[in-house]
């Protein structure tokens, strides 16, 4: 646990993870504190980059993204991992880039509208200097895509 975070901060985060649409007043009411306290704690967590943004969970197929992919990327032993990661970050279809330990160097996640778009994405990844192998996996069904619980008692 981050020593800078107070128990109240964790409780605020827990509520926002469950519903990021909650107003400061609703959060304050749930926690028995003032709206001003909630507002200042959230502002501090934003300023300290604890809260990086607010989001919505979407059914991607319903908005036209038919192909979801988990892609393993292996790099050359002498490749600059930082540069490869930055190049992956710049590809629009990719929404998550993880530098990992194991058989591969990166695990990336992407969404594409069509098979042609998917093929183009894989070509872009293969063209990155230092990438030696790309292993795409089509996600057939997502059984969980949601918030992360803090498990606060």
Protein backbone atom coordinates (compact mmCIF):
# COMPACT_ATOMS: atom_id res chain seq x y z
CA UNK A 1 0.00 0.00 0.00
CA UNK A 2 1.24 3.48 -0.85
CA UNK A 3 2.20 5.14 2.45
CA UNK A 4 1.03 8.51 1.13
CA UNK A 5 -2.53 7.24 0.80
CA UNK A 6 -4.79 7.47 3.79
CA UNK A 7 -7.48 4.94 4.60
CA UNK A 8 -10.04 7.51 3.43
CA UNK A 9 -8.29 7.75 0.05
CA UNK A 10 -8.55 3.99 -0.41
CA UNK A 11 -12.24 4.07 0.48
CA UNK A 12 -12.80 6.88 -2.04
CA UNK A 13 -10.92 4.89 -4.71
CA UNK A 14 -12.97 1.80 -3.93
CA UNK A 15 -16.23 3.71 -4.48
CA UNK A 16 -14.97 5.32 -7.69
CA UNK A 17 -13.82 1.96 -9.03
CA UNK A 18 -17.33 0.64 -8.51
CA UNK A 19 -18.92 3.69 -10.19
CA UNK A 20 -16.79 6.53 -11.51
CA UNK A 21 -19.96 8.55 -12.15
CA UNK A 22 -20.53 9.14 -8.44
CA UNK A 23 -20.64 12.80 -7.49
CA UNK A 24 -18.45 14.15 -4.70
CA UNK A 25 -21.65 14.53 -2.66
CA UNK A 26 -22.57 10.86 -3.15
CA UNK A 27 -19.05 9.69 -2.23
CA UNK A 28 -19.08 11.93 0.84
CA UNK A 29 -22.49 10.60 1.88
CA UNK A 30 -21.32 7.00 1.56
CA UNK A 31 -18.26 7.69 3.71
CA UNK A 32 -19.76 10.09 6.24
CA UNK A 33 -17.38 12.95 5.43
CA UNK A 34 -17.84 16.38 3.87
CA UNK A 35 -18.02 17.03 0.14
CA UNK A 36 -15.06 19.41 0.53
CA UNK A 37 -12.97 16.62 2.06
CA UNK A 38 -13.79 14.25 -0.82
CA UNK A 39 -13.10 16.95 -3.40
CA UNK A 40 -9.71 17.83 -1.90
CA UNK A 41 -8.67 14.17 -1.50
CA UNK A 42 -9.61 13.37 -5.12
CA UNK A 43 -7.82 16.50 -6.38
CA UNK A 44 -4.69 15.49 -4.44
CA UNK A 45 -4.82 11.95 -5.85
CA UNK A 46 -5.13 13.41 -9.38
CA UNK A 47 -2.24 15.82 -8.73
CA UNK A 48 -0.12 12.96 -7.32
CA UNK A 49 -0.95 10.77 -10.37
CA UNK A 50 -2.67 8.17 -8.19
CA UNK A 51 -5.82 8.72 -10.25
CA UNK A 52 -4.78 8.79 -13.88
CA UNK A 53 -8.24 9.19 -15.39
CA UNK A 54 -11.81 8.01 -15.36
CA UNK A 55 -13.20 5.47 -17.79
CA UNK A 56 -16.18 3.53 -19.05
CA UNK A 57 -16.43 -0.21 -19.69
CA UNK A 58 -17.70 -0.75 -23.24
CA UNK A 59 -19.04 -3.70 -25.20
CA UNK A 60 -16.53 -3.23 -28.01
CA UNK A 61 -18.34 -5.49 -30.48
CA UNK A 62 -21.43 -3.28 -30.27
CA UNK A 63 -19.38 -0.26 -31.38
CA UNK A 64 -17.81 -2.04 -34.34
CA UNK A 65 -14.61 -3.60 -32.99
CA UNK A 66 -15.09 -7.23 -34.00
CA UNK A 67 -11.50 -8.40 -33.41
CA UNK A 68 -9.84 -8.36 -30.00
CA UNK A 69 -6.28 -9.60 -29.78
CA UNK A 70 -3.68 -10.59 -27.23
CA UNK A 71 -0.30 -10.41 -28.97
CA UNK A 72 2.99 -11.77 -27.67
CA UNK A 73 6.02 -9.87 -28.98
CA UNK A 74 9.59 -11.10 -28.79
CA UNK A 75 12.47 -8.70 -29.38
CA UNK A 76 16.06 -9.17 -30.48
CA UNK A 77 18.41 -9.65 -27.51
CA UNK A 78 20.14 -6.34 -28.31
CA UNK A 79 16.93 -4.40 -28.90
CA UNK A 80 16.22 -1.33 -26.84
CA UNK A 81 13.15 -2.44 -24.86
CA UNK A 82 12.21 1.16 -24.03
CA UNK A 83 12.16 2.17 -27.70
CA UNK A 84 10.20 -0.93 -28.74
CA UNK A 85 7.64 -0.19 -26.02
CA UNK A 86 7.34 3.45 -27.09
CA UNK A 87 6.82 2.40 -30.72
CA UNK A 88 4.11 -0.06 -29.65
CA UNK A 89 2.46 2.69 -27.58
CA UNK A 90 2.09 4.83 -30.70
CA UNK A 91 0.00 2.30 -32.62
CA UNK A 92 -3.63 3.41 -32.45
CA UNK A 93 -5.33 0.00 -32.24
CA UNK A 94 -3.24 -1.05 -29.23
CA UNK A 95 -4.78 -0.16 -25.88
CA UNK A 96 -2.38 -1.92 -23.49
CA UNK A 97 1.35 -2.60 -23.68
CA UNK A 98 2.98 -4.69 -20.96
CA UNK A 99 6.75 -5.29 -20.80
CA UNK A 100 6.91 -8.77 -19.30
CA UNK A 101 9.30 -11.45 -18.07
CA UNK A 102 9.11 -14.89 -19.64
CA UNK A 103 9.29 -16.36 -23.11
CA UNK A 104 8.29 -13.04 -24.69
CA UNK A 105 9.17 -9.44 -23.98
CA UNK A 106 5.80 -7.76 -24.45
CA UNK A 107 2.18 -8.73 -24.11
CA UNK A 108 -0.02 -6.29 -25.94
CA UNK A 109 -3.76 -5.99 -26.33
CA UNK A 110 -5.54 -4.45 -29.29
CA UNK A 111 -8.95 -4.04 -30.88
CA UNK A 112 -9.62 -3.87 -34.60
CA UNK A 113 -12.75 -3.42 -36.69
CA UNK A 114 -11.91 -5.78 -39.56
CA UNK A 115 -9.59 -8.59 -40.57
CA UNK A 116 -7.79 -6.15 -42.88
CA UNK A 117 -7.22 -3.75 -40.00
CA UNK A 118 -5.89 -6.64 -37.90
CA UNK A 119 -3.49 -7.63 -40.67
CA UNK A 120 -2.27 -4.04 -40.95
CA UNK A 121 -1.74 -3.88 -37.19
CA UNK A 122 0.40 -7.02 -37.23
CA UNK A 123 2.44 -5.59 -40.14
CA UNK A 124 3.07 -2.38 -38.14
CA UNK A 125 4.25 -4.37 -35.14
CA UNK A 126 6.56 -6.55 -37.26
CA UNK A 127 8.05 -3.41 -38.85
CA UNK A 128 9.24 -2.02 -35.50
CA UNK A 129 13.03 -2.07 -35.25
CA UNK A 130 14.04 -4.74 -32.74
CA UNK A 131 10.91 -6.90 -33.01
CA UNK A 132 11.90 -10.45 -33.95
CA UNK A 133 8.66 -12.41 -33.48
CA UNK A 134 4.95 -11.59 -33.24
CA UNK A 135 2.49 -14.20 -32.02
CA UNK A 136 -1.12 -13.02 -32.30
CA UNK A 137 -3.94 -14.62 -30.36
CA UNK A 138 -7.53 -13.83 -31.24
CA UNK A 139 -9.67 -13.37 -28.16
CA UNK A 140 -12.77 -15.48 -28.72
CA UNK A 141 -14.67 -14.43 -25.61
CA UNK A 142 -13.93 -12.08 -22.76
CA UNK A 143 -15.27 -13.48 -19.52
CA UNK A 144 -14.20 -10.54 -17.38
CA UNK A 145 -13.29 -6.96 -18.19
CA UNK A 146 -14.03 -4.71 -15.30
CA UNK A 147 -12.75 -2.62 -12.48
CA UNK A 148 -10.17 -3.84 -10.03
CA UNK A 149 -11.44 -4.19 -6.48
CA UNK A 150 -9.26 -2.89 -3.68
CA UNK A 151 -10.74 -5.43 -1.24
CA UNK A 152 -11.16 -2.88 1.52
CA UNK A 153 -12.97 -4.13 4.59
